[in-house]
Amino acid sequence: KDGKLEVTGDFTMHGVTKPVTAAIEFTGGKAGPMGERAGYEAVFTIKRSDFGVSYGVDNGMLGNDVRIVVNLEGVKK
C-alpha cells in the first residue's frame, strides 16, 4: 500500500541467525538508456546482544539496538 510493505526473512550476524521484519519502501523508478531502474529502501532494527555481540552493552558504554538501512536498486531485463 502506498509503495510500502513489510518483508520477513532470516538475518545472520556473528554466526547467529534470527528472523527479522524489514519495512520496505519504493523510493523511485526511471527508464533510461541503461534500462528501467527502480529503487527501494529496507529498514529494520536488531539487538546486538541477540547475536552474541554484547561488548559494551552490559556496562552501558554502547547501545544494544542497531538500526540497519539497506538501499537496493534493480534493473529490469
PDB file of N, CA and C in Angstrom:
ATOM      1  N   LYS A   1       0.846  -1.190   0.000  1.00  0.00           N
ATOM      2  CA  LYS A   1       0.000   0.000   0.000  1.00  0.00           C
ATOM      3  C   LYS A   1       0.881   1.239   0.000  1.00  0.00           C
ATOM      4  N   ASP A   2       0.607   2.170  -0.859  1.00  0.00           N
ATOM      5  CA  ASP A   2       1.351   3.432  -0.940  1.00  0.00           C
ATOM      6  C   ASP A   2       2.845   3.226  -1.141  1.00  0.00           C
ATOM      7  N   GLY A   3       3.240   2.150  -1.842  1.00  0.00           N
ATOM      8  CA  GLY A   3       4.651   1.908  -2.108  1.00  0.00           C
ATOM      9  C   GLY A   3       5.423   1.372  -0.926  1.00  0.00           C
ATOM     10  N   LYS A   4       4.714   0.900   0.115  1.00  0.00           N
ATOM     11  CA  LYS A   4       5.374   0.367   1.308  1.00  0.00           C
ATOM     12  C   LYS A   4       4.879  -1.043   1.598  1.00  0.00           C
ATOM     13  N   LEU A   5       5.767  -1.873   2.112  1.00  0.00           N
ATOM     14  CA  LEU A   5       5.383  -3.213   2.528  1.00  0.00           C
ATOM     15  C   LEU A   5       6.355  -3.714   3.577  1.00  0.00           C
ATOM     16  N   GLU A   6       6.042  -4.832   4.190  1.00  0.00           N
ATOM     17  CA  GLU A   6       6.926  -5.460   5.165  1.00  0.00           C
ATOM     18  C   GLU A   6       7.345  -6.819   4.642  1.00  0.00           C
ATOM     19  N   VAL A   7       8.615  -7.142   4.825  1.00  0.00           N
ATOM     20  CA  VAL A   7       9.160  -8.421   4.384  1.00  0.00           C
ATOM     21  C   VAL A   7       9.839  -9.079   5.573  1.00  0.00           C
ATOM     22  N   THR A   8       9.558 -10.353   5.766  1.00  0.00           N
ATOM     23  CA  THR A   8      10.179 -11.101   6.858  1.00  0.00           C
ATOM     24  C   THR A   8      11.142 -12.120   6.274  1.00  0.00           C
ATOM     25  N   GLY A   9      12.312 -12.222   6.889  1.00  0.00           N
ATOM     26  CA  GLY A   9      13.321 -13.168   6.440  1.00  0.00           C
ATOM     27  C   GLY A   9      14.330 -13.423   7.539  1.00  0.00           C
ATOM     28  N   ASP A  10      15.345 -14.183   7.232  1.00  0.00           N
ATOM     29  CA  ASP A  10      16.388 -14.503   8.201  1.00  0.00           C
ATOM     30  C   ASP A  10      17.573 -13.566   8.038  1.00  0.00           C
ATOM     31  N   PHE A  11      18.121 -13.119   9.166  1.00  0.00           N
ATOM     32  CA  PHE A  11      19.305 -12.260   9.201  1.00  0.00           C
ATOM     33  C   PHE A  11      20.366 -12.984  10.016  1.00  0.00           C
ATOM     34  N   THR A  12      21.565 -13.117   9.444  1.00  0.00           N
ATOM     35  CA  THR A  12      22.663 -13.799  10.127  1.00  0.00           C
ATOM     36  C   THR A  12      23.784 -12.815  10.404  1.00  0.00           C
ATOM     37  N   MET A  13      24.227 -12.800  11.659  1.00  0.00           N
ATOM     38  CA  MET A  13      25.360 -11.971  12.062  1.00  0.00           C
ATOM     39  C   MET A  13      26.124 -12.705  13.160  1.00  0.00           C
ATOM     40  N   HIS A  14      27.411 -12.722  13.031  1.00  0.00           N
ATOM     41  CA  HIS A  14      28.282 -13.325  14.052  1.00  0.00           C
ATOM     42  C   HIS A  14      27.929 -14.801  14.269  1.00  0.00           C
ATOM     43  N   GLY A  15      27.498 -15.484  13.193  1.00  0.00           N
ATOM     44  CA  GLY A  15      27.173 -16.903  13.262  1.00  0.00           C
ATOM     45  C   GLY A  15      25.811 -17.229  13.849  1.00  0.00           C
ATOM     46  N   VAL A  16      24.994 -16.219  14.134  1.00  0.00           N
ATOM     47  CA  VAL A  16      23.664 -16.421  14.715  1.00  0.00           C
ATOM     48  C   VAL A  16      22.627 -15.950  13.702  1.00  0.00           C
ATOM     49  N   THR A  17      21.595 -16.776  13.471  1.00  0.00           N
ATOM     50  CA  THR A  17      20.528 -16.431  12.538  1.00  0.00           C
ATOM     51  C   THR A  17      19.225 -16.229  13.297  1.00  0.00           C
ATOM     52  N   LYS A  18      18.560 -15.114  13.022  1.00  0.00           N
ATOM     53  CA  LYS A  18      17.281 -14.789  13.665  1.00  0.00           C
ATOM     54  C   LYS A  18      16.338 -14.239  12.595  1.00  0.00           C
ATOM     55  N   PRO A  19      15.022 -14.429  12.778  1.00  0.00           N
ATOM     56  CA  PRO A  19      14.072 -13.819  11.839  1.00  0.00           C
ATOM     57  C   PRO A  19      13.963 -12.314  12.113  1.00  0.00           C
ATOM     58  N   VAL A  20      13.851 -11.528  11.054  1.00  0.00           N
ATOM     59  CA  VAL A  20      13.635 -10.084  11.170  1.00  0.00           C
ATOM     60  C   VAL A  20      12.550  -9.674  10.183  1.00  0.00           C
ATOM     61  N   THR A  21      11.901  -8.564  10.479  1.00  0.00           N
ATOM     62  CA  THR A  21      10.921  -7.988   9.575  1.00  0.00           C
ATOM     63  C   THR A  21      11.406  -6.600   9.197  1.00  0.00           C
ATOM     64  N   ALA A  22      11.535  -6.356   7.903  1.00  0.00           N
ATOM     65  CA  ALA A  22      12.021  -5.072   7.399  1.00  0.00           C
ATOM     66  C   ALA A  22      10.881  -4.305   6.752  1.00  0.00           C
ATOM     67  N   ALA A  23      10.841  -2.999   7.012  1.00  0.00           N
ATOM     68  CA  ALA A  23       9.911  -2.111   6.315  1.00  0.00           C
ATOM     69  C   ALA A  23      10.561  -1.740   4.992  1.00  0.00           C
ATOM     70  N   ILE A  24       9.877  -2.028   3.895  1.00  0.00           N
ATOM     71  CA  ILE A  24      10.401  -1.757   2.556  1.00  0.00           C
ATOM     72  C   ILE A  24       9.612  -0.602   1.944  1.00  0.00           C
ATOM     73  N   GLU A  25      10.334   0.350   1.359  1.00  0.00           N
ATOM     74  CA  GLU A  25       9.675   1.489   0.718  1.00  0.00           C
ATOM     75  C   GLU A  25      10.230   1.688  -0.686  1.00  0.00           C
ATOM     76  N   PHE A  26       9.338   1.846  -1.636  1.00  0.00           N
ATOM     77  CA  PHE A  26       9.718   2.166  -3.009  1.00  0.00           C
ATOM     78  C   PHE A  26      10.192   3.613  -3.027  1.00  0.00           C
ATOM     79  N   THR A  27      11.415   3.856  -3.499  1.00  0.00           N
ATOM     80  CA  THR A  27      11.970   5.210  -3.466  1.00  0.00           C
ATOM     81  C   THR A  27      11.968   5.901  -4.828  1.00  0.00           C
ATOM     82  N   GLY A  28      11.647   5.164  -5.889  1.00  0.00           N
ATOM     83  CA  GLY A  28      11.549   5.799  -7.200  1.00  0.00           C
ATOM     84  C   GLY A  28      11.974   4.890  -8.323  1.00  0.00           C
ATOM     85  N   GLY A  29      11.575   5.254  -9.519  1.00  0.00           N
ATOM     86  CA  GLY A  29      11.938   4.480 -10.704  1.00  0.00           C
ATOM     87  C   GLY A  29      12.066   5.393 -11.907  1.00  0.00           C
ATOM     88  N   LYS A  30      12.830   4.941 -12.891  1.00  0.00           N
ATOM     89  CA  LYS A  30      13.052   5.764 -14.081  1.00  0.00           C
ATOM     90  C   LYS A  30      13.564   4.882 -15.207  1.00  0.00           C
ATOM     91  N   ALA A  31      13.086   5.150 -16.393  1.00  0.00           N
ATOM     92  CA  ALA A  31      13.605   4.477 -17.579  1.00  0.00           C
ATOM     93  C   ALA A  31      14.711   5.346 -18.166  1.00  0.00           C
ATOM     94  N   GLY A  32      15.789   4.713 -18.578  1.00  0.00           N
ATOM     95  CA  GLY A  32      16.909   5.449 -19.153  1.00  0.00           C
ATOM     96  C   GLY A  32      17.635   4.607 -20.179  1.00  0.00           C
ATOM     97  N   PRO A  33      18.760   5.088 -20.695  1.00  0.00           N
ATOM     98  CA  PRO A  33      19.496   4.358 -21.726  1.00  0.00           C
ATOM     99  C   PRO A  33      20.062   3.019 -21.241  1.00  0.00           C
ATOM    100  N   MET A  34      20.207   2.858 -19.941  1.00  0.00           N
ATOM    101  CA  MET A  34      20.737   1.612 -19.377  1.00  0.00           C
ATOM    102  C   MET A  34      19.618   0.690 -18.889  1.00  0.00           C
ATOM    103  N   GLY A  35      18.359   1.006 -19.217  1.00  0.00           N
ATOM    104  CA  GLY A  35      17.228   0.166 -18.828  1.00  0.00           C
ATOM    105  C   GLY A  35      16.360   0.828 -17.775  1.00  0.00           C
ATOM    106  N   GLU A  36      15.273   0.147 -17.439  1.00  0.00           N
ATOM    107  CA  GLU A  36      14.368   0.641 -16.405  1.00  0.00           C
ATOM    108  C   GLU A  36      14.944   0.296 -15.040  1.00  0.00           C
ATOM    109  N   ARG A  37      14.966   1.269 -14.149  1.00  0.00           N
ATOM    110  CA  ARG A  37      15.524   1.068 -12.815  1.00  0.00           C
ATOM    111  C   ARG A  37      14.484   1.415 -11.770  1.00  0.00           C
ATOM    112  N   ALA A  38      14.587   0.729 -10.629  1.00  0.00           N
ATOM    113  CA  ALA A  38      13.711   1.010  -9.501  1.00  0.00           C
ATOM    114  C   ALA A  38      14.530   0.938  -8.224  1.00  0.00           C
ATOM    115  N   GLY A  39      14.247   1.840  -7.293  1.00  0.00           N
ATOM    116  CA  GLY A  39      14.969   1.867  -6.028  1.00  0.00           C
ATOM    117  C   GLY A  39      14.058   1.543  -4.859  1.00  0.00           C
ATOM    118  N   TYR A  40      14.631   0.890  -3.859  1.00  0.00           N
ATOM    119  CA  TYR A  40      13.912   0.509  -2.652  1.00  0.00           C
ATOM    120  C   TYR A  40      14.814   0.724  -1.446  1.00  0.00           C
ATOM    121  N   GLU A  41      14.208   0.964  -0.300  1.00  0.00           N
ATOM    122  CA  GLU A  41      14.958   1.078   0.940  1.00  0.00           C
ATOM    123  C   GLU A  41      14.328   0.154   1.969  1.00  0.00           C
ATOM    124  N   ALA A  42      15.166  -0.653   2.617  1.00  0.00           N
ATOM    125  CA  ALA A  42      14.716  -1.571   3.663  1.00  0.00           C
ATOM    126  C   ALA A  42      15.311  -1.109   4.990  1.00  0.00           C
ATOM    127  N   VAL A  43      14.482  -1.068   6.039  1.00  0.00           N
ATOM    128  CA  VAL A  43      14.938  -0.624   7.355  1.00  0.00           C
ATOM    129  C   VAL A  43      14.454  -1.624   8.404  1.00  0.00           C
ATOM    130  N   PHE A  44      15.376  -2.036   9.283  1.00  0.00           N
ATOM    131  CA  PHE A  44      14.996  -2.873  10.418  1.00  0.00           C
ATOM    132  C   PHE A  44      15.974  -2.651  11.561  1.00  0.00           C
ATOM    133  N   THR A  45      15.582  -3.050  12.759  1.00  0.00           N
ATOM    134  CA  THR A  45      16.405  -2.863  13.958  1.00  0.00           C
ATOM    135  C   THR A  45      16.680  -4.221  14.591  1.00  0.00           C
ATOM    136  N   ILE A  46      17.917  -4.399  15.029  1.00  0.00           N
ATOM    137  CA  ILE A  46      18.288  -5.622  15.745  1.00  0.00           C
ATOM    138  C   ILE A  46      18.869  -5.241  17.099  1.00  0.00           C
ATOM    139  N   LYS A  47      18.918  -6.223  17.981  1.00  0.00           N
ATOM    140  CA  LYS A  47      19.624  -6.080  19.255  1.00  0.00           C
ATOM    141  C   LYS A  47      20.951  -6.813  19.112  1.00  0.00           C
ATOM    142  N   ARG A  48      22.033  -6.102  19.335  1.00  0.00           N
ATOM    143  CA  ARG A  48      23.368  -6.694  19.197  1.00  0.00           C
ATOM    144  C   ARG A  48      23.514  -7.938  20.073  1.00  0.00           C
ATOM    145  N   SER A  49      22.995  -7.863  21.292  1.00  0.00           N
ATOM    146  CA  SER A  49      23.153  -8.975  22.232  1.00  0.00           C
ATOM    147  C   SER A  49      22.455 -10.249  21.758  1.00  0.00           C
ATOM    148  N   ASP A  50      21.408 -10.119  20.932  1.00  0.00           N
ATOM    149  CA  ASP A  50      20.723 -11.304  20.393  1.00  0.00           C
ATOM    150  C   ASP A  50      21.640 -12.106  19.471  1.00  0.00           C
ATOM    151  N   PHE A  51      22.688 -11.457  18.968  1.00  0.00           N
ATOM    152  CA  PHE A  51      23.612 -12.102  18.035  1.00  0.00           C
ATOM    153  C   PHE A  51      24.979 -12.348  18.668  1.00  0.00           C
ATOM    154  N   GLY A  52      25.038 -12.302  19.996  1.00  0.00           N
ATOM    155  CA  GLY A  52      26.281 -12.591  20.701  1.00  0.00           C
ATOM    156  C   GLY A  52      27.294 -11.459  20.663  1.00  0.00           C
ATOM    157  N   VAL A  53      26.862 -10.272  20.277  1.00  0.00           N
ATOM    158  CA  VAL A  53      27.755  -9.112  20.231  1.00  0.00           C
ATOM    159  C   VAL A  53      27.310  -8.183  21.358  1.00  0.00           C
ATOM    160  N   SER A  54      27.853  -8.404  22.532  1.00  0.00           N
ATOM    161  CA  SER A  54      27.384  -7.646  23.696  1.00  0.00           C
ATOM    162  C   SER A  54      28.466  -6.785  24.340  1.00  0.00           C
ATOM    163  N   TYR A  55      29.627  -6.681  23.703  1.00  0.00           N
ATOM    164  CA  TYR A  55      30.683  -5.849  24.265  1.00  0.00           C
ATOM    165  C   TYR A  55      30.176  -4.424  24.471  1.00  0.00           C
ATOM    166  N   GLY A  56      30.318  -3.910  25.674  1.00  0.00           N
ATOM    167  CA  GLY A  56      29.918  -2.550  25.997  1.00  0.00           C
ATOM    168  C   GLY A  56      28.450  -2.382  26.337  1.00  0.00           C
ATOM    169  N   VAL A  57      27.620  -3.392  26.078  1.00  0.00           N
ATOM    170  CA  VAL A  57      26.188  -3.281  26.361  1.00  0.00           C
ATOM    171  C   VAL A  57      25.931  -3.411  27.855  1.00  0.00           C
ATOM    172  N   ASP A  58      26.567  -4.393  28.502  1.00  0.00           N
ATOM    173  CA  ASP A  58      26.317  -4.661  29.918  1.00  0.00           C
ATOM    174  C   ASP A  58      26.661  -3.476  30.813  1.00  0.00           C
ATOM    175  N   ASN A  59      27.711  -2.731  30.482  1.00  0.00           N
ATOM    176  CA  ASN A  59      28.100  -1.600  31.322  1.00  0.00           C
ATOM    177  C   ASN A  59      27.569  -0.263  30.791  1.00  0.00           C
ATOM    178  N   GLY A  60      26.753  -0.296  29.737  1.00  0.00           N
ATOM    179  CA  GLY A  60      26.123   0.909  29.224  1.00  0.00           C
ATOM    180  C   GLY A  60      27.010   1.788  28.347  1.00  0.00           C
ATOM    181  N   MET A  61      28.199   1.307  27.966  1.00  0.00           N
ATOM    182  CA  MET A  61      29.087   2.101  27.111  1.00  0.00           C
ATOM    183  C   MET A  61      28.569   2.201  25.681  1.00  0.00           C
ATOM    184  N   LEU A  62      27.945   1.125  25.204  1.00  0.00           N
ATOM    185  CA  LEU A  62      27.424   1.082  23.835  1.00  0.00           C
ATOM    186  C   LEU A  62      25.962   0.671  23.857  1.00  0.00           C
ATOM    187  N   GLY A  63      25.206   1.160  22.899  1.00  0.00           N
ATOM    188  CA  GLY A  63      23.801   0.790  22.806  1.00  0.00           C
ATOM    189  C   GLY A  63      23.625  -0.624  22.278  1.00  0.00           C
ATOM    190  N   ASN A  64      22.498  -1.204  22.600  1.00  0.00           N
ATOM    191  CA  ASN A  64      22.202  -2.566  22.168  1.00  0.00           C
ATOM    192  C   ASN A  64      21.425  -2.576  20.851  1.00  0.00           C
ATOM    193  N   ASP A  65      20.600  -1.568  20.622  1.00  0.00           N
ATOM    194  CA  ASP A  65      19.793  -1.504  19.406  1.00  0.00           C
ATOM    195  C   ASP A  65      20.589  -0.899  18.259  1.00  0.00           C
ATOM    196  N   VAL A  66      20.521  -1.554  17.096  1.00  0.00           N
ATOM    197  CA  VAL A  66      21.197  -1.076  15.893  1.00  0.00           C
ATOM    198  C   VAL A  66      20.161  -0.999  14.777  1.00  0.00           C
ATOM    199  N   ARG A  67      20.041   0.170  14.178  1.00  0.00           N
ATOM    200  CA  ARG A  67      19.127   0.366  13.049  1.00  0.00           C
ATOM    201  C   ARG A  67      19.914   0.105  11.771  1.00  0.00           C
ATOM    202  N   ILE A  68      19.412  -0.804  10.951  1.00  0.00           N
ATOM    203  CA  ILE A  68      20.082  -1.181   9.709  1.00  0.00           C
ATOM    204  C   ILE A  68      19.246  -0.675   8.538  1.00  0.00           C
ATOM    205  N   VAL A  69      19.910   0.034   7.624  1.00  0.00           N
ATOM    206  CA  VAL A  69      19.263   0.579   6.433  1.00  0.00           C
ATOM    207  C   VAL A  69      19.958  -0.014   5.216  1.00  0.00           C
ATOM    208  N   VAL A  70      19.177  -0.635   4.327  1.00  0.00           N
ATOM    209  CA  VAL A  70      19.708  -1.251   3.113  1.00  0.00           C
ATOM    210  C   VAL A  70      19.038  -0.583   1.919  1.00  0.00           C
ATOM    211  N   ASN A  71      19.842  -0.037   1.013  1.00  0.00           N
ATOM    212  CA  ASN A  71      19.309   0.566  -0.212  1.00  0.00           C
ATOM    213  C   ASN A  71      19.527  -0.396  -1.371  1.00  0.00           C
ATOM    214  N   LEU A  72      18.469  -0.617  -2.142  1.00  0.00           N
ATOM    215  CA  LEU A  72      18.514  -1.571  -3.251  1.00  0.00           C
ATOM    216  C   LEU A  72      18.158  -0.869  -4.561  1.00  0.00           C
ATOM    217  N   GLU A  73      18.795  -1.308  -5.626  1.00  0.00           N
ATOM    218  CA  GLU A  73      18.440  -0.808  -6.958  1.00  0.00           C
ATOM    219  C   GLU A  73      18.329  -1.997  -7.894  1.00  0.00           C
ATOM    220  N   GLY A  74      17.234  -2.062  -8.611  1.00  0.00           N
ATOM    221  CA  GLY A  74      17.012  -3.144  -9.552  1.00  0.00           C
ATOM    222  C   GLY A  74      16.909  -2.620 -10.971  1.00  0.00           C
ATOM    223  N   VAL A  75      17.345  -3.425 -11.933  1.00  0.00           N
ATOM    224  CA  VAL A  75      17.273  -3.086 -13.344  1.00  0.00           C
ATOM    225  C   VAL A  75      16.416  -4.145 -14.049  1.00  0.00           C
ATOM    226  N   LYS A  76      15.408  -3.701 -14.763  1.00  0.00           N
ATOM    227  CA  LYS A  76      14.539  -4.619 -15.494  1.00  0.00           C
ATOM    228  C   LYS A  76      15.277  -5.126 -16.726  1.00  0.00           C
ATOM    229  N   LYS A  77      15.254  -6.446 -16.934  1.00  0.00           N
ATOM    230  CA  LYS A  77      15.916  -7.039 -18.102  1.00  0.00           C
ATOM    231  C   LYS A  77      14.906  -7.299 -19.192  1.00  0.00           C
TER     232      LYS A  77
END
